[in-house]
Every structure is written in C-alpha cells, then in structure tokens.
Amino acid sequence: MPEIPDISKTERWVVDNTLKERYGREIPLELADAEIRLNPSDREVSSCPVLYWQVDDCNFIVFKTGDRRYRCQFFYRGFQQYGTGVHEYDDLTECVVSLLQAQADHVAKERGDL
C-alpha cells in the first residue's frame, strides 16, 4: 500500500477559504493523523492525515485517504457521528461543502425546520 501524502498547503487553503465563506470568519484548523480502514474488507488500519475543526459543539473531520481522495464526517459525541452519504470524494471542495451542508441540514432537522 503506497503511503498517503500529507495534506498540502493548497488543500489547507481550500478548506480555510471554504470555512471563511461559510462562517464569515477564520476557523482554526488542526492537522492530525487517524487510523482507519481504507476498505471495509481490510483487517489492518492505515494512517491517514486529517484536517479537524470545531464550530460551537460540533466537530468536523476530513480524512485524506489517497492522492485526491477524501472522506468526511461530523460528530457531537463519539456515539453521534454523521456523514454525507458519499463514501469518498475526489474533489476536496465538494467534500467540505457537502459536509457543511449535511451538518446544516442535521441542525435544521433537529430544530424541526425540515
């Protein structure tokens, strides 16, 4: 299995600007690593670079699973994890925008707006 490249300055810039557009302010991003199964049938986990941020009581994470391959989720507590319904994206902007929309839809549904 080839090593997954680190998150580039360009990828970080894409996420920074998307978050500024969504929230109207700068959101601190953290770089980290996570161990996940790249395929459901994998017995071993692979280390992936991630971008993490938090807004209010919600945590967001984007996993880089390969060259131009991304997964995402948001969560409130460990047992309250949500995704977009798309297993993997090949476009980072689409991944982040879909994640933010899924979370906004979740909040609206919880409030009874949807």
N, C-alpha and C. Protein backbone atom coordinates (compact mmCIF):
# COMPACT_ATOMS: atom_id res chain seq x y z
N MET A 1 0.84 -1.18 0.00
CA MET A 1 0.00 0.00 0.00
C MET A 1 0.88 1.24 0.00
N PRO A 2 0.75 2.10 -1.01
CA PRO A 2 1.57 3.31 -1.03
C PRO A 2 1.19 4.25 0.12
N GLU A 3 2.17 5.00 0.58
CA GLU A 3 1.91 5.93 1.66
C GLU A 3 1.00 7.06 1.18
N ILE A 4 0.10 7.48 2.03
CA ILE A 4 -0.83 8.56 1.71
C ILE A 4 -0.10 9.88 1.89
N PRO A 5 -0.13 10.74 0.88
CA PRO A 5 0.59 12.02 1.00
C PRO A 5 -0.02 12.91 2.08
N ASP A 6 0.82 13.73 2.69
CA ASP A 6 0.36 14.69 3.68
C ASP A 6 -0.58 15.71 3.04
N ILE A 7 -1.32 16.40 3.87
CA ILE A 7 -2.20 17.47 3.40
C ILE A 7 -1.31 18.62 2.94
N SER A 8 -1.56 19.07 1.73
CA SER A 8 -0.72 20.12 1.13
C SER A 8 -1.20 21.51 1.57
N LYS A 9 -0.36 22.50 1.31
CA LYS A 9 -0.73 23.89 1.59
C LYS A 9 -1.95 24.29 0.77
N THR A 10 -2.02 23.81 -0.46
CA THR A 10 -3.17 24.11 -1.32
C THR A 10 -4.45 23.51 -0.75
N GLU A 11 -4.39 22.28 -0.28
CA GLU A 11 -5.57 21.64 0.32
C GLU A 11 -6.01 22.39 1.58
N ARG A 12 -5.07 22.77 2.37
CA ARG A 12 -5.41 23.53 3.58
C ARG A 12 -6.04 24.88 3.21
N TRP A 13 -5.50 25.53 2.19
CA TRP A 13 -6.04 26.80 1.71
C TRP A 13 -7.49 26.63 1.25
N VAL A 14 -7.77 25.54 0.53
CA VAL A 14 -9.13 25.27 0.06
C VAL A 14 -10.09 25.18 1.25
N VAL A 15 -9.71 24.44 2.27
CA VAL A 15 -10.58 24.26 3.44
C VAL A 15 -10.70 25.59 4.19
N ASP A 16 -9.59 26.28 4.42
CA ASP A 16 -9.63 27.59 5.11
C ASP A 16 -10.61 28.54 4.42
N ASN A 17 -10.50 28.66 3.12
CA ASN A 17 -11.35 29.60 2.39
C ASN A 17 -12.81 29.17 2.36
N THR A 18 -13.06 27.88 2.26
CA THR A 18 -14.44 27.39 2.29
C THR A 18 -15.07 27.69 3.64
N LEU A 19 -14.32 27.50 4.72
CA LEU A 19 -14.85 27.78 6.06
C LEU A 19 -15.07 29.28 6.28
N LYS A 20 -14.16 30.12 5.77
CA LYS A 20 -14.34 31.57 5.88
C LYS A 20 -15.60 32.00 5.15
N GLU A 21 -15.83 31.41 3.98
CA GLU A 21 -17.03 31.74 3.22
C GLU A 21 -18.30 31.31 3.95
N ARG A 22 -18.26 30.16 4.59
CA ARG A 22 -19.43 29.62 5.29
C ARG A 22 -19.74 30.38 6.58
N TYR A 23 -18.69 30.66 7.36
CA TYR A 23 -18.90 31.23 8.70
C TYR A 23 -18.61 32.73 8.79
N GLY A 24 -18.01 33.31 7.76
CA GLY A 24 -17.70 34.73 7.78
C GLY A 24 -16.56 35.10 8.70
N ARG A 25 -15.80 34.11 9.10
CA ARG A 25 -14.65 34.36 9.98
C ARG A 25 -13.67 33.19 9.83
N GLU A 26 -12.48 33.39 10.34
CA GLU A 26 -11.48 32.35 10.28
C GLU A 26 -11.78 31.28 11.32
N ILE A 27 -11.70 30.03 10.91
CA ILE A 27 -11.91 28.90 11.81
C ILE A 27 -10.57 28.18 11.96
N PRO A 28 -10.09 28.01 13.19
CA PRO A 28 -8.80 27.32 13.37
C PRO A 28 -8.87 25.86 12.88
N LEU A 29 -7.90 25.48 12.08
CA LEU A 29 -7.78 24.10 11.59
C LEU A 29 -6.63 23.42 12.31
N GLU A 30 -6.83 22.15 12.60
CA GLU A 30 -5.77 21.34 13.20
C GLU A 30 -5.42 20.21 12.25
N LEU A 31 -4.15 19.94 12.12
CA LEU A 31 -3.66 18.80 11.36
C LEU A 31 -3.43 17.65 12.33
N ALA A 32 -3.80 16.47 11.93
CA ALA A 32 -3.62 15.29 12.79
C ALA A 32 -3.51 14.06 11.89
N ASP A 33 -3.42 12.92 12.51
CA ASP A 33 -3.44 11.64 11.82
C ASP A 33 -4.50 10.77 12.46
N ALA A 34 -5.11 9.91 11.66
CA ALA A 34 -6.10 8.97 12.16
C ALA A 34 -5.83 7.61 11.53
N GLU A 35 -6.19 6.58 12.24
CA GLU A 35 -6.07 5.23 11.69
C GLU A 35 -7.46 4.74 11.33
N ILE A 36 -7.64 4.42 10.04
CA ILE A 36 -8.94 3.95 9.55
C ILE A 36 -8.72 2.78 8.60
N ARG A 37 -9.78 2.04 8.37
CA ARG A 37 -9.75 1.00 7.33
C ARG A 37 -10.09 1.68 6.01
N LEU A 38 -9.18 1.57 5.05
CA LEU A 38 -9.43 2.19 3.76
C LEU A 38 -10.50 1.46 2.97
N ASN A 39 -10.60 0.15 3.18
CA ASN A 39 -11.64 -0.67 2.55
C ASN A 39 -12.32 -1.47 3.65
N PRO A 40 -13.62 -1.68 3.54
CA PRO A 40 -14.33 -2.42 4.58
C PRO A 40 -13.75 -3.81 4.85
N SER A 41 -13.15 -4.42 3.83
CA SER A 41 -12.60 -5.76 3.99
C SER A 41 -11.20 -5.77 4.60
N ASP A 42 -10.58 -4.61 4.76
CA ASP A 42 -9.23 -4.54 5.33
C ASP A 42 -9.24 -5.00 6.78
N ARG A 43 -8.27 -5.80 7.13
CA ARG A 43 -8.10 -6.19 8.54
C ARG A 43 -7.22 -5.20 9.27
N GLU A 44 -6.31 -4.60 8.53
CA GLU A 44 -5.38 -3.64 9.12
C GLU A 44 -5.89 -2.22 8.88
N VAL A 45 -5.53 -1.33 9.79
CA VAL A 45 -5.86 0.08 9.61
C VAL A 45 -4.68 0.79 8.95
N SER A 46 -4.98 1.88 8.29
CA SER A 46 -3.95 2.70 7.64
C SER A 46 -3.95 4.07 8.29
N SER A 47 -2.79 4.66 8.40
CA SER A 47 -2.66 6.00 8.95
C SER A 47 -2.96 7.02 7.85
N CYS A 48 -3.86 7.96 8.15
CA CYS A 48 -4.27 8.98 7.18
C CYS A 48 -4.12 10.35 7.80
N PRO A 49 -3.63 11.33 7.03
CA PRO A 49 -3.64 12.70 7.53
C PRO A 49 -5.07 13.24 7.54
N VAL A 50 -5.37 14.07 8.51
CA VAL A 50 -6.71 14.64 8.63
C VAL A 50 -6.64 16.13 8.92
N LEU A 51 -7.71 16.81 8.54
CA LEU A 51 -7.95 18.18 8.96
C LEU A 51 -9.14 18.15 9.90
N TYR A 52 -9.00 18.82 11.02
CA TYR A 52 -10.04 18.82 12.05
C TYR A 52 -10.35 20.26 12.43
N TRP A 53 -11.64 20.55 12.64
CA TRP A 53 -12.04 21.84 13.19
C TRP A 53 -13.31 21.67 14.00
N GLN A 54 -13.56 22.66 14.82
CA GLN A 54 -14.73 22.63 15.69
C GLN A 54 -15.45 23.97 15.58
N VAL A 55 -16.77 23.90 15.47
CA VAL A 55 -17.61 25.10 15.48
C VAL A 55 -18.74 24.82 16.45
N ASP A 56 -18.86 25.70 17.44
CA ASP A 56 -19.84 25.51 18.51
C ASP A 56 -19.60 24.14 19.15
N ASP A 57 -20.61 23.30 19.20
CA ASP A 57 -20.43 21.99 19.84
C ASP A 57 -20.24 20.87 18.82
N CYS A 58 -19.96 21.23 17.57
CA CYS A 58 -19.82 20.23 16.51
C CYS A 58 -18.36 20.13 16.06
N ASN A 59 -17.90 18.90 15.87
CA ASN A 59 -16.56 18.60 15.41
C ASN A 59 -16.63 18.10 13.98
N PHE A 60 -15.69 18.54 13.15
CA PHE A 60 -15.64 18.16 11.74
C PHE A 60 -14.28 17.54 11.45
N ILE A 61 -14.28 16.54 10.58
CA ILE A 61 -13.01 15.91 10.21
C ILE A 61 -13.05 15.52 8.74
N VAL A 62 -11.94 15.81 8.06
CA VAL A 62 -11.74 15.38 6.67
C VAL A 62 -10.51 14.49 6.66
N PHE A 63 -10.70 13.27 6.21
CA PHE A 63 -9.62 12.28 6.11
C PHE A 63 -9.07 12.32 4.69
N LYS A 64 -7.77 12.39 4.54
CA LYS A 64 -7.15 12.24 3.21
C LYS A 64 -6.78 10.77 3.08
N THR A 65 -7.45 10.07 2.16
CA THR A 65 -7.28 8.63 2.05
C THR A 65 -6.41 8.23 0.86
N GLY A 66 -5.93 9.20 0.12
CA GLY A 66 -5.06 8.95 -1.03
C GLY A 66 -4.86 10.25 -1.79
N ASP A 67 -4.20 10.15 -2.93
CA ASP A 67 -4.00 11.32 -3.77
C ASP A 67 -5.34 11.72 -4.37
N ARG A 68 -5.85 12.92 -3.99
CA ARG A 68 -7.16 13.42 -4.41
C ARG A 68 -8.30 12.48 -4.00
N ARG A 69 -8.20 11.95 -2.78
CA ARG A 69 -9.26 11.10 -2.22
C ARG A 69 -9.50 11.53 -0.79
N TYR A 70 -10.80 11.80 -0.47
CA TYR A 70 -11.15 12.36 0.83
C TYR A 70 -12.43 11.73 1.35
N ARG A 71 -12.49 11.59 2.66
CA ARG A 71 -13.71 11.18 3.37
C ARG A 71 -13.96 12.21 4.45
N CYS A 72 -15.21 12.27 4.92
CA CYS A 72 -15.51 13.28 5.92
C CYS A 72 -16.63 12.83 6.84
N GLN A 73 -16.68 13.46 8.00
CA GLN A 73 -17.77 13.24 8.94
C GLN A 73 -17.82 14.40 9.92
N PHE A 74 -18.96 14.52 10.57
CA PHE A 74 -19.07 15.46 11.68
C PHE A 74 -19.66 14.70 12.85
N PHE A 75 -19.36 15.18 14.05
CA PHE A 75 -19.86 14.48 15.24
C PHE A 75 -19.98 15.46 16.39
N TYR A 76 -20.86 15.09 17.30
CA TYR A 76 -21.06 15.87 18.52
C TYR A 76 -20.43 15.14 19.69
N ARG A 77 -20.73 13.88 19.81
CA ARG A 77 -20.10 12.99 20.79
C ARG A 77 -19.69 11.74 20.03
N GLY A 78 -18.91 10.90 20.65
CA GLY A 78 -18.43 9.70 19.97
C GLY A 78 -19.52 8.85 19.37
N PHE A 79 -20.69 8.83 20.01
CA PHE A 79 -21.77 7.99 19.52
C PHE A 79 -22.71 8.75 18.58
N GLN A 80 -22.44 10.00 18.31
CA GLN A 80 -23.26 10.81 17.41
C GLN A 80 -22.41 11.23 16.22
N GLN A 81 -22.12 10.27 15.32
CA GLN A 81 -21.29 10.52 14.15
C GLN A 81 -22.16 10.51 12.91
N TYR A 82 -21.91 11.47 12.02
CA TYR A 82 -22.72 11.61 10.82
C TYR A 82 -21.82 11.85 9.61
N GLY A 83 -22.29 11.44 8.46
CA GLY A 83 -21.57 11.66 7.22
C GLY A 83 -22.47 12.29 6.18
N THR A 84 -22.00 12.30 4.96
CA THR A 84 -22.75 12.92 3.86
C THR A 84 -23.51 11.90 3.03
N GLY A 85 -23.24 10.63 3.25
CA GLY A 85 -23.83 9.59 2.41
C GLY A 85 -22.96 9.21 1.23
N VAL A 86 -21.86 9.93 1.05
CA VAL A 86 -20.90 9.63 -0.02
C VAL A 86 -19.67 9.02 0.64
N HIS A 87 -19.27 7.84 0.17
CA HIS A 87 -18.15 7.14 0.79
C HIS A 87 -16.84 7.90 0.64
N GLU A 88 -16.57 8.40 -0.57
CA GLU A 88 -15.29 9.06 -0.81
C GLU A 88 -15.43 10.08 -1.93
N TYR A 89 -14.73 11.19 -1.80
CA TYR A 89 -14.73 12.28 -2.78
C TYR A 89 -13.38 12.34 -3.48
N ASP A 90 -13.40 12.82 -4.73
CA ASP A 90 -12.15 13.08 -5.44
C ASP A 90 -11.91 14.58 -5.60
N ASP A 91 -12.77 15.38 -4.98
CA ASP A 91 -12.65 16.83 -5.01
C ASP A 91 -12.83 17.35 -3.59
N LEU A 92 -11.79 18.00 -3.08
CA LEU A 92 -11.81 18.46 -1.68
C LEU A 92 -12.89 19.52 -1.44
N THR A 93 -13.06 20.44 -2.36
CA THR A 93 -14.08 21.47 -2.17
C THR A 93 -15.46 20.83 -2.07
N GLU A 94 -15.77 19.91 -2.95
CA GLU A 94 -17.06 19.22 -2.91
C GLU A 94 -17.23 18.47 -1.59
N CYS A 95 -16.17 17.85 -1.11
CA CYS A 95 -16.20 17.13 0.16
C CYS A 95 -16.56 18.07 1.31
N VAL A 96 -15.87 19.20 1.41
CA VAL A 96 -16.09 20.11 2.53
C VAL A 96 -17.46 20.79 2.43
N VAL A 97 -17.85 21.22 1.24
CA VAL A 97 -19.16 21.85 1.08
C VAL A 97 -20.27 20.86 1.41
N SER A 98 -20.15 19.62 0.96
CA SER A 98 -21.15 18.60 1.27
C SER A 98 -21.21 18.33 2.77
N LEU A 99 -20.06 18.30 3.43
CA LEU A 99 -20.02 18.09 4.87
C LEU A 99 -20.72 19.22 5.61
N LEU A 100 -20.42 20.45 5.24
CA LEU A 100 -21.05 21.60 5.89
C LEU A 100 -22.56 21.62 5.64
N GLN A 101 -22.99 21.23 4.42
CA GLN A 101 -24.42 21.20 4.12
C GLN A 101 -25.11 20.09 4.90
N ALA A 102 -24.47 18.93 5.01
CA ALA A 102 -25.06 17.82 5.78
C ALA A 102 -25.24 18.22 7.24
N GLN A 103 -24.27 18.92 7.79
CA GLN A 103 -24.38 19.35 9.18
C GLN A 103 -25.46 20.41 9.35
N ALA A 104 -25.55 21.35 8.42
CA ALA A 104 -26.60 22.37 8.48
C ALA A 104 -27.99 21.73 8.36
N ASP A 105 -28.12 20.74 7.48
CA ASP A 105 -29.38 20.01 7.34
C ASP A 105 -29.73 19.26 8.62
N HIS A 106 -28.72 18.67 9.25
CA HIS A 106 -28.92 17.94 10.51
C HIS A 106 -29.46 18.90 11.59
N VAL A 107 -28.84 20.06 11.70
CA VAL A 107 -29.27 21.04 12.70
C VAL A 107 -30.70 21.49 12.41
N ALA A 108 -31.01 21.76 11.15
CA ALA A 108 -32.36 22.19 10.79
C ALA A 108 -33.38 21.09 11.11
N LYS A 109 -33.03 19.86 10.85
CA LYS A 109 -33.93 18.74 11.15
C LYS A 109 -34.16 18.61 12.66
N GLU A 110 -33.09 18.74 13.43
CA GLU A 110 -33.20 18.66 14.89
C GLU A 110 -34.09 19.76 15.45
N ARG A 111 -34.03 20.94 14.82
CA ARG A 111 -34.86 22.07 15.26
C ARG A 111 -36.30 21.95 14.76
N GLY A 112 -36.51 21.04 13.81
CA GLY A 112 -37.85 20.88 13.23
C GLY A 112 -38.10 21.78 12.05
N ASP A 113 -37.04 22.37 11.50
CA ASP A 113 -37.18 23.26 10.33
C ASP A 113 -37.38 22.49 9.03
N LEU A 114 -36.98 21.24 8.99
CA LEU A 114 -37.12 20.44 7.75
C LEU A 114 -38.25 19.46 7.88
